[in-house]
Amino acid sequence: MRKTTLLLVIFCACFLSGTGLNAQKAKFKNKVVTVQKTRLPQNYIAPENRTYDLFAKGTYATDIDPHQKVIFGWERNEENPRLKGVLSIYGFTIGSAKKSSQKKEKKDKEGKVVDRWTEYTYSASANGRGTLYIYGESNPFSYNKKKKEGEKSKYEKKKEEAAAAKKKELEDNPFLSADDVVEAEESDVSVDEGLSDEALALVKTIKVDQSKSATTGAHRSSTNAYKEYKDKHRPGLYDFRSQYPSAAYKKAISQLNSLYGYAPVNYRFSLKRMKSEKHSEYKKWNDACQATEMLFKSVKYNQPIEGTQAKFDAIINYFSVLLDKTSDKDKKTKKLKKAAFQNLVDILYYLDRHDEAIIVCEKNLDSKFIDKTAKRNLDRSQRQKAHLAFHSMSTSHIESAEEIEMDDIESEEVAAEDEAGRK
């Protein structure tokens, strides 16, 4: 009997040591990883036709140099450009200061009102007006989208609904009075126009208005509230007159690059690092994550990525094997399977290994734990693969000797709605 019991104990010990994935539930934390790539533009124009010129018009046109920035992947040609961008910077307005009042009261422990008073605030805003006119050729990328052009995402709709509800709540508050206009609006607005008698077709007009607002703190005296506005906030609104042209120009260049240029972008995504130190995969998992972060740091938008792709083979194999052998039935391994899948498909996506990402996603469409995540990432990789093919590119990288400054590199954060889907 004792011998049988001893053998059973030894068997159990060997079994448990061989199933390290189930020895402890894995917990994870997000680590933001950055990788630099080229953002594919909406339009494809043949390389031999990628010539452009930029112009500025309007009252505040002299405040900027239209050639300060570039359309990435294009050559500037003032003689016969195939694309023209015209920034009309034509007006500046400082709105009238408005006074708001809110009645307040203080109650004692018995609920009796012991004090009443009114608080006053002043607010105003400045608006600089600008329009980007684009002339040339239009050849936009088309893909089977889930939503129609102009239709808002669920995340955008929720934000708008929340803002509308908040506005109604304020309107229904009996302690809030209507705003009182106390000073006249100041306006300096000229004609908003592009190029006249232009041979190139007008492709698009984009508003690049810039605004700045200011609100005082709450004061029991309306005189003190207005004094704060006049002394501390109004000068800043007037200073914005000289600042807005450069901000409008920066937005216009960003729009041009989004539509036509191959601009450098620092993309950020969340890598799942393991927190459970006693888990059998703790060290190897986090070593793979650390290597991923370090290798992606070396990636540049204007350098080939093929060499770096090969360096990831061992990391990809590790997460792939772990994903396949992790149970799809045991809830204890749910977080591990989801984390292994997301790390794997994110790495493949940002390496532009979309065929492999698609295979991984399709393989997990029937998974109990990651079916929805697999579908979302499948759509993402299929779309990016199609976008690359549209531009006759295999990766989101271009070979270029262009000199760029740090502020030329845009940053793109992980969308809040995407993050919500990962939890």
Protein backbone atom coordinates (compact mmCIF):
# COMPACT_ATOMS: atom_id res chain seq x y z
CA MET A 1 0.00 0.00 0.00
CA ARG A 2 2.82 2.36 0.94
CA LYS A 3 4.61 1.55 -2.33
CA THR A 4 1.46 2.34 -4.34
CA THR A 5 0.99 5.63 -2.52
CA LEU A 6 4.63 6.60 -3.14
CA LEU A 7 4.33 5.85 -6.87
CA LEU A 8 1.15 7.94 -7.04
CA VAL A 9 2.89 10.89 -5.37
CA ILE A 10 5.85 10.63 -7.79
CA PHE A 11 3.47 10.44 -10.79
CA CYS A 12 1.55 13.52 -9.66
CA ALA A 13 4.75 15.46 -9.13
CA CYS A 14 6.03 14.56 -12.60
CA PHE A 15 2.67 15.42 -14.18
CA LEU A 16 2.45 18.81 -12.52
CA SER A 17 6.03 19.70 -13.40
CA GLY A 18 5.32 18.81 -17.02
CA THR A 19 2.31 21.13 -17.21
CA GLY A 20 3.94 24.39 -16.21
CA LEU A 21 1.43 26.42 -18.19
CA ASN A 22 -1.30 25.39 -15.76
CA ALA A 23 0.81 25.61 -12.61
CA GLN A 24 -0.19 29.23 -12.09
CA LYS A 25 -2.59 31.59 -13.81
CA ALA A 26 -0.57 34.10 -15.80
CA LYS A 27 -1.04 37.82 -15.30
CA PHE A 28 0.15 40.52 -17.69
CA LYS A 29 0.85 44.23 -17.96
CA ASN A 30 1.09 46.44 -21.04
CA LYS A 31 4.46 47.69 -22.24
CA VAL A 32 4.31 50.35 -24.96
CA VAL A 33 6.62 49.53 -27.87
CA THR A 34 7.54 52.00 -30.63
CA VAL A 35 8.33 51.14 -34.22
CA GLN A 36 9.02 53.64 -36.99
CA LYS A 37 7.40 53.02 -40.35
CA THR A 38 6.07 54.84 -43.38
CA ARG A 39 2.39 55.70 -43.28
CA LEU A 40 0.94 54.68 -46.61
CA PRO A 41 -0.90 57.64 -48.21
CA GLN A 42 -4.49 57.42 -49.37
CA ASN A 43 -3.54 58.16 -52.98
CA TYR A 44 -1.14 56.31 -55.24
CA ILE A 45 0.64 58.41 -57.86
CA ALA A 46 3.22 56.86 -60.18
CA PRO A 47 6.79 57.63 -58.96
CA GLU A 48 7.67 59.57 -62.14
CA ASN A 49 4.74 61.94 -61.48
CA ARG A 50 5.54 62.71 -57.84
CA THR A 51 6.46 66.37 -58.18
CA TYR A 52 4.87 69.18 -56.18
CA ASP A 53 4.93 72.81 -55.17
CA LEU A 54 3.43 74.69 -52.21
CA PHE A 55 1.95 78.19 -51.97
CA ALA A 56 0.56 80.49 -49.27
CA LYS A 57 -2.16 83.13 -49.73
CA GLY A 58 -4.21 85.43 -47.53
CA THR A 59 -3.71 88.13 -44.91
CA TYR A 60 -1.29 86.04 -42.83
CA ALA A 61 0.55 84.30 -45.69
CA THR A 62 3.76 86.23 -45.01
CA ASP A 63 3.96 84.65 -41.54
CA ILE A 64 5.03 81.28 -42.98
CA ASP A 65 7.47 79.80 -45.49
CA PRO A 66 5.42 77.31 -47.56
CA HIS A 67 8.59 75.38 -48.46
CA GLN A 68 9.74 74.88 -44.90
CA LYS A 69 8.37 71.33 -44.83
CA VAL A 70 8.10 68.65 -47.51
CA ILE A 71 5.79 66.02 -48.92
CA PHE A 72 7.76 62.86 -48.17
CA GLY A 73 8.67 60.69 -51.13
CA TRP A 74 8.03 63.54 -53.59
CA GLU A 75 10.31 66.02 -55.35
CA ARG A 76 9.68 69.74 -55.29
CA ASN A 77 9.34 71.24 -58.77
CA GLU A 78 8.41 74.89 -59.18
CA GLU A 79 8.36 74.75 -63.00
CA ASN A 80 5.85 72.02 -63.77
CA PRO A 81 4.55 70.29 -60.62
CA ARG A 82 1.93 67.54 -60.89
CA LEU A 83 0.55 68.42 -57.44
CA LYS A 84 -0.03 71.84 -55.88
CA GLY A 85 -0.92 72.67 -52.31
CA VAL A 86 -2.25 76.15 -51.54
CA LEU A 87 -2.68 77.26 -47.95
CA SER A 88 -5.06 80.18 -47.56
CA ILE A 89 -4.46 81.82 -44.16
CA TYR A 90 -7.06 84.50 -44.34
CA GLY A 91 -8.60 85.55 -41.04
CA PHE A 92 -8.40 85.90 -37.29
CA THR A 93 -11.21 86.49 -34.81
CA ILE A 94 -11.30 87.00 -31.06
CA GLY A 95 -14.76 86.26 -29.77
CA SER A 96 -16.47 88.44 -27.23
CA ALA A 97 -15.82 87.63 -23.60
CA LYS A 98 -18.82 86.02 -21.95
CA LYS A 99 -19.77 86.05 -18.33
CA SER A 100 -21.30 83.01 -16.69
CA SER A 101 -22.77 82.88 -13.22
CA GLN A 102 -23.68 79.97 -10.98
CA LYS A 103 -25.60 80.13 -7.74
CA LYS A 104 -24.07 78.26 -4.80
CA GLU A 105 -25.31 77.38 -1.38
CA LYS A 106 -24.00 75.75 1.79
CA LYS A 107 -26.06 73.60 4.14
CA ASP A 108 -25.51 72.52 7.72
CA LYS A 109 -25.88 68.97 9.07
CA GLU A 110 -29.64 69.35 9.32
CA GLY A 111 -29.89 70.39 5.68
CA LYS A 112 -30.66 74.00 6.44
CA VAL A 113 -29.16 76.55 4.06
CA VAL A 114 -26.69 78.70 5.98
CA ASP A 115 -25.07 80.58 3.13
CA ARG A 116 -25.82 81.57 -0.46
CA TRP A 117 -23.62 83.26 -3.03
CA THR A 118 -22.97 83.58 -6.75
CA GLU A 119 -19.77 82.62 -8.56
CA TYR A 120 -18.73 84.33 -11.81
CA THR A 121 -16.40 83.23 -14.61
CA TYR A 122 -15.40 84.78 -17.93
CA SER A 123 -14.49 82.88 -21.07
CA ALA A 124 -13.49 83.73 -24.64
CA SER A 125 -11.86 82.14 -27.63
CA ALA A 126 -9.72 83.09 -30.62
CA ASN A 127 -10.05 81.49 -34.04
CA GLY A 128 -7.54 81.56 -36.88
CA ARG A 129 -9.00 80.58 -40.23
CA GLY A 130 -7.26 78.56 -42.89
CA THR A 131 -8.09 76.37 -45.89
CA LEU A 132 -5.88 73.95 -47.79
CA TYR A 133 -6.57 73.73 -51.54
CA ILE A 134 -5.16 70.68 -53.31
CA TYR A 135 -4.76 70.56 -57.11
CA GLY A 136 -3.61 67.58 -59.11
CA GLU A 137 -4.49 63.92 -59.50
CA SER A 138 -6.70 61.80 -57.27
CA ASN A 139 -6.27 58.02 -57.12
CA PRO A 140 -7.47 56.88 -53.68
CA PHE A 141 -7.09 53.43 -52.16
CA SER A 142 -10.44 51.63 -51.99
CA TYR A 143 -11.24 48.76 -49.66
CA ASN A 144 -14.36 47.01 -48.45
CA LYS A 145 -14.99 49.09 -45.37
CA LYS A 146 -17.27 48.17 -42.53
CA LYS A 147 -18.64 51.67 -42.39
CA LYS A 148 -19.63 54.10 -45.09
CA GLU A 149 -17.55 57.17 -45.88
CA GLY A 150 -18.25 59.76 -43.20
CA GLU A 151 -19.95 57.27 -40.87
CA LYS A 152 -18.66 57.50 -37.31
CA SER A 153 -17.27 54.59 -35.30
CA LYS A 154 -19.02 53.35 -32.13
CA TYR A 155 -16.30 55.02 -30.08
CA GLU A 156 -16.86 58.38 -31.81
CA LYS A 157 -20.64 58.07 -31.41
CA LYS A 158 -20.32 57.32 -27.69
CA LYS A 159 -18.10 60.37 -27.18
CA GLU A 160 -20.60 62.62 -28.98
CA GLU A 161 -23.54 61.16 -27.04
CA ALA A 162 -21.72 61.72 -23.75
CA ALA A 163 -20.92 65.33 -24.72
CA ALA A 164 -24.57 65.95 -25.71
CA ALA A 165 -25.80 64.49 -22.42
CA LYS A 166 -23.41 66.69 -20.46
CA LYS A 167 -24.59 69.77 -22.37
CA LYS A 168 -28.24 68.97 -21.66
CA GLU A 169 -27.42 68.44 -17.98
CA LEU A 170 -25.94 71.94 -17.79
CA GLU A 171 -28.86 73.45 -19.68
CA ASP A 172 -31.32 71.87 -17.24
CA ASN A 173 -29.43 73.12 -14.17
CA PRO A 174 -31.62 75.85 -12.57
CA PHE A 175 -28.60 77.39 -10.86
CA LEU A 176 -26.90 78.23 -14.17
CA SER A 177 -27.73 81.51 -15.92
CA ALA A 178 -27.33 82.38 -19.59
CA ASP A 179 -24.07 83.90 -20.75
CA ASP A 180 -23.87 87.68 -20.84
CA VAL A 181 -21.97 89.28 -23.70
CA VAL A 182 -19.81 92.08 -22.30
CA GLU A 183 -17.55 93.16 -25.14
CA ALA A 184 -17.63 93.22 -28.92
CA GLU A 185 -16.06 90.58 -31.14
CA GLU A 186 -12.84 91.55 -32.93
CA SER A 187 -12.43 90.24 -36.44
CA ASP A 188 -9.87 90.52 -39.24
CA VAL A 189 -11.06 88.28 -42.07
CA SER A 190 -10.18 88.56 -45.76
CA VAL A 191 -11.09 86.49 -48.82
CA ASP A 192 -10.54 82.73 -48.67
CA GLU A 193 -9.36 81.57 -52.09
CA GLY A 194 -7.08 79.14 -53.90
CA LEU A 195 -5.44 79.57 -57.30
CA SER A 196 -7.28 81.27 -60.16
CA ASP A 197 -7.09 79.90 -63.71
CA GLU A 198 -5.29 76.76 -62.52
CA ALA A 199 -4.87 74.03 -65.13
CA LEU A 200 -4.67 71.23 -62.55
CA ALA A 201 -7.98 69.93 -61.24
CA LEU A 202 -9.10 70.93 -57.73
CA VAL A 203 -8.99 67.64 -55.83
CA LYS A 204 -10.00 68.72 -52.35
CA THR A 205 -10.36 71.58 -49.88
CA ILE A 206 -9.60 70.98 -46.22
CA LYS A 207 -10.25 73.30 -43.30
CA VAL A 208 -7.16 73.85 -41.15
CA ASP A 209 -8.63 76.37 -38.69
CA GLN A 210 -6.87 76.80 -35.36
CA SER A 211 -8.47 77.89 -32.10
CA LYS A 212 -7.57 78.74 -28.55
CA SER A 213 -9.91 79.23 -25.59
CA ALA A 214 -9.52 80.71 -22.14
CA THR A 215 -11.65 80.54 -19.00
CA THR A 216 -11.06 82.24 -15.67
CA GLY A 217 -11.40 80.69 -12.27
CA ALA A 218 -14.60 81.19 -10.26
CA HIS A 219 -14.94 84.46 -8.35
CA ARG A 220 -17.64 85.78 -6.06
CA SER A 221 -17.13 89.17 -7.66
CA SER A 222 -17.80 89.56 -11.39
CA THR A 223 -15.38 92.49 -11.39
CA ASN A 224 -12.57 90.28 -10.10
CA ALA A 225 -13.43 87.58 -12.63
CA TYR A 226 -13.24 90.06 -15.51
CA LYS A 227 -9.98 91.51 -14.16
CA GLU A 228 -8.45 88.02 -14.23
CA TYR A 229 -9.61 87.56 -17.83
CA LYS A 230 -8.32 90.95 -18.94
CA ASP A 231 -4.93 90.69 -17.20
CA LYS A 232 -4.09 87.01 -17.57
CA HIS A 233 -6.07 85.45 -20.43
CA ARG A 234 -6.88 88.08 -23.04
CA PRO A 235 -3.18 88.82 -23.85
CA GLY A 236 -2.70 85.13 -24.67
CA LEU A 237 -5.61 85.21 -27.10
CA TYR A 238 -4.12 88.22 -28.86
CA ASP A 239 -0.72 86.49 -29.02
CA PHE A 240 -2.40 83.58 -30.78
CA ARG A 241 -2.81 85.84 -33.82
CA SER A 242 0.90 85.43 -34.59
CA GLN A 243 1.00 81.75 -33.59
CA TYR A 244 -1.88 80.30 -35.56
CA PRO A 245 -0.40 80.57 -39.10
CA SER A 246 2.42 78.11 -38.28
CA ALA A 247 -0.04 75.75 -36.58
CA ALA A 248 -2.34 75.86 -39.61
CA TYR A 249 0.65 75.23 -41.89
CA LYS A 250 1.72 72.21 -39.82
CA LYS A 251 -1.79 70.76 -40.07
CA ALA A 252 -1.89 71.40 -43.83
CA ILE A 253 1.44 69.59 -44.36
CA SER A 254 0.20 66.68 -42.26
CA GLN A 255 -2.94 66.47 -44.41
CA LEU A 256 -0.93 66.56 -47.65
CA ASN A 257 1.33 63.77 -46.41
CA SER A 258 -1.65 61.73 -45.27
CA LEU A 259 -3.15 62.01 -48.75
CA TYR A 260 0.01 61.77 -50.91
CA GLY A 261 3.24 61.53 -48.93
CA TYR A 262 5.18 58.61 -47.47
CA ALA A 263 5.68 60.19 -44.08
CA PRO A 264 7.61 58.75 -41.13
CA VAL A 265 5.42 57.77 -38.20
CA ASN A 266 6.29 56.34 -34.81
CA TYR A 267 3.62 53.72 -34.26
CA ARG A 268 2.99 52.57 -30.70
CA PHE A 269 1.39 49.33 -29.63
CA SER A 270 1.03 47.47 -26.33
CA LEU A 271 3.13 44.37 -25.84
CA LYS A 272 1.93 42.00 -23.12
CA ARG A 273 4.66 41.41 -20.53
CA MET A 274 4.18 38.75 -17.86
CA LYS A 275 3.85 39.75 -14.20
CA SER A 276 3.61 36.25 -12.69
CA GLU A 277 7.18 35.58 -11.56
CA LYS A 278 6.47 31.99 -10.49
CA HIS A 279 5.06 31.03 -13.88
CA SER A 280 7.23 28.57 -15.81
CA GLU A 281 7.26 30.86 -18.87
CA TYR A 282 8.04 34.07 -16.96
CA LYS A 283 11.70 34.52 -17.95
CA LYS A 284 11.49 33.28 -21.53
CA TRP A 285 8.31 35.27 -22.20
CA ASN A 286 9.76 38.53 -20.92
CA ASP A 287 13.08 37.89 -22.68
CA ALA A 288 11.11 37.63 -25.93
CA CYS A 289 9.29 40.88 -25.12
CA GLN A 290 12.53 42.69 -24.27
CA ALA A 291 14.15 41.52 -27.50
CA THR A 292 11.05 42.64 -29.45
CA GLU A 293 11.27 46.13 -27.98
CA MET A 294 15.02 46.44 -28.65
CA LEU A 295 14.82 45.14 -32.22
CA PHE A 296 11.93 47.44 -33.15
CA LYS A 297 13.93 50.45 -31.88
CA SER A 298 16.39 49.93 -34.72
CA VAL A 299 13.70 50.03 -37.42
CA LYS A 300 13.63 53.22 -39.54
CA TYR A 301 10.99 54.31 -42.03
CA ASN A 302 13.55 54.97 -44.80
CA GLN A 303 15.60 51.77 -44.45
CA PRO A 304 14.79 48.23 -45.64
CA ILE A 305 13.29 45.99 -42.96
CA GLU A 306 14.06 42.57 -44.46
CA GLY A 307 17.15 42.04 -42.29
CA THR A 308 15.22 42.83 -39.13
CA GLN A 309 12.37 40.54 -40.15
CA ALA A 310 14.70 37.53 -40.01
CA LYS A 311 15.96 38.46 -36.53
CA PHE A 312 12.42 37.97 -35.20
CA ASP A 313 12.10 34.35 -36.34
CA ALA A 314 12.94 32.84 -32.94
CA ILE A 315 10.58 35.22 -31.13
CA ILE A 316 7.75 34.50 -33.56
CA ASN A 317 8.34 30.76 -33.22
CA TYR A 318 8.25 31.01 -29.42
CA PHE A 319 4.87 32.80 -29.27
CA SER A 320 3.50 30.63 -32.07
CA VAL A 321 4.36 27.32 -30.36
CA LEU A 322 3.08 28.61 -27.02
CA LEU A 323 -0.19 29.75 -28.62
CA ASP A 324 -0.76 26.37 -30.28
CA LYS A 325 -0.11 24.28 -27.16
CA THR A 326 -2.13 26.47 -24.78
CA SER A 327 -5.55 25.01 -24.07
CA ASP A 328 -8.61 26.63 -25.57
CA LYS A 329 -10.88 25.02 -22.98
CA ASP A 330 -9.32 25.77 -19.59
CA LYS A 331 -10.26 29.22 -18.27
CA LYS A 332 -7.02 29.28 -16.29
CA THR A 333 -5.06 29.61 -19.53
CA LYS A 334 -7.39 32.15 -21.17
CA LYS A 335 -5.21 35.18 -20.43
CA LEU A 336 -2.07 33.38 -21.53
CA LYS A 337 -3.60 32.37 -24.86
CA LYS A 338 -4.97 35.87 -25.52
CA ALA A 339 -1.63 37.51 -24.66
CA ALA A 340 0.40 35.08 -26.78
CA PHE A 341 -1.93 35.63 -29.72
CA GLN A 342 -1.90 39.45 -29.47
CA ASN A 343 1.88 39.63 -29.11
CA LEU A 344 2.34 37.32 -32.07
CA VAL A 345 -0.02 39.09 -34.49
CA ASP A 346 1.20 42.56 -33.47
CA ILE A 347 4.81 41.58 -34.12
CA LEU A 348 3.89 40.07 -37.50
CA TYR A 349 1.81 43.13 -38.42
CA TYR A 350 4.53 45.70 -37.69
CA LEU A 351 7.09 43.54 -39.48
CA ASP A 352 4.82 43.56 -42.55
CA ARG A 353 4.64 39.76 -42.45
CA HIS A 354 0.95 39.90 -43.25
CA ASP A 355 0.62 36.50 -44.93
CA GLU A 356 1.78 34.84 -41.70
CA ALA A 357 -0.48 37.07 -39.59
CA ILE A 358 -3.47 36.13 -41.75
CA ILE A 359 -2.72 32.40 -41.33
CA VAL A 360 -2.50 32.76 -37.53
CA CYS A 361 -5.77 34.70 -37.40
CA GLU A 362 -7.67 32.31 -39.66
CA LYS A 363 -6.44 29.38 -37.58
CA ASN A 364 -8.00 30.90 -34.46
CA LEU A 365 -11.34 32.14 -35.81
CA ASP A 366 -13.13 29.28 -34.02
CA SER A 367 -11.25 29.71 -30.76
CA LYS A 368 -13.39 29.96 -27.65
CA PHE A 369 -11.19 32.68 -26.18
CA ILE A 370 -9.79 34.70 -29.08
CA ASP A 371 -12.27 34.34 -31.95
CA LYS A 372 -13.32 38.02 -31.91
CA THR A 373 -9.73 39.24 -31.53
CA ALA A 374 -8.69 36.95 -34.39
CA LYS A 375 -11.40 38.40 -36.65
CA ARG A 376 -10.41 41.99 -35.85
CA ASN A 377 -6.72 41.34 -36.49
CA LEU A 378 -7.51 39.37 -39.64
CA ASP A 379 -9.34 42.39 -41.06
CA ARG A 380 -6.44 44.65 -40.09
CA SER A 381 -3.78 42.52 -41.81
CA GLN A 382 -5.87 41.90 -44.92
CA ARG A 383 -6.47 45.62 -45.31
CA GLN A 384 -2.81 46.53 -44.85
CA LYS A 385 -1.72 43.82 -47.28
CA ALA A 386 -4.13 45.23 -49.88
CA HIS A 387 -2.92 48.79 -49.20
CA LEU A 388 0.72 47.73 -49.72
CA ALA A 389 -0.20 45.99 -52.99
CA PHE A 390 -2.02 49.16 -54.12
CA HIS A 391 1.25 51.09 -53.68
CA SER A 392 3.31 48.29 -55.28
CA MET A 393 5.22 47.86 -52.00
CA SER A 394 6.04 44.78 -49.93
CA THR A 395 6.72 46.66 -46.68
CA SER A 396 5.83 50.05 -45.21
CA HIS A 397 9.34 51.36 -45.74
CA ILE A 398 10.94 53.48 -48.43
CA GLU A 399 14.59 53.94 -49.31
CA SER A 400 15.34 57.63 -48.97
CA ALA A 401 18.20 59.91 -48.02
CA GLU A 402 15.85 62.75 -47.01
CA GLU A 403 17.00 64.70 -43.99
CA ILE A 404 14.26 64.96 -41.40
CA GLU A 405 13.87 66.74 -38.09
CA MET A 406 12.37 65.20 -34.99
CA ASP A 407 9.17 67.22 -35.31
CA ASP A 408 8.71 65.81 -38.83
CA ILE A 409 8.03 62.37 -37.33
CA GLU A 410 4.41 61.99 -36.34
CA SER A 411 3.29 59.74 -33.50
CA GLU A 412 0.29 57.48 -33.62
CA GLU A 413 -1.04 56.09 -30.37
CA VAL A 414 -2.99 52.89 -29.88
CA ALA A 415 -6.67 53.84 -30.34
CA ALA A 416 -8.76 53.68 -27.16
CA GLU A 417 -11.35 51.48 -28.84
CA ASP A 418 -8.62 49.04 -29.95
CA GLU A 419 -7.24 48.90 -26.43
CA ALA A 420 -10.70 48.15 -25.09
CA GLY A 421 -10.93 45.17 -27.41
CA ARG A 422 -7.69 43.71 -26.07
CA LYS A 423 -8.76 43.39 -22.44
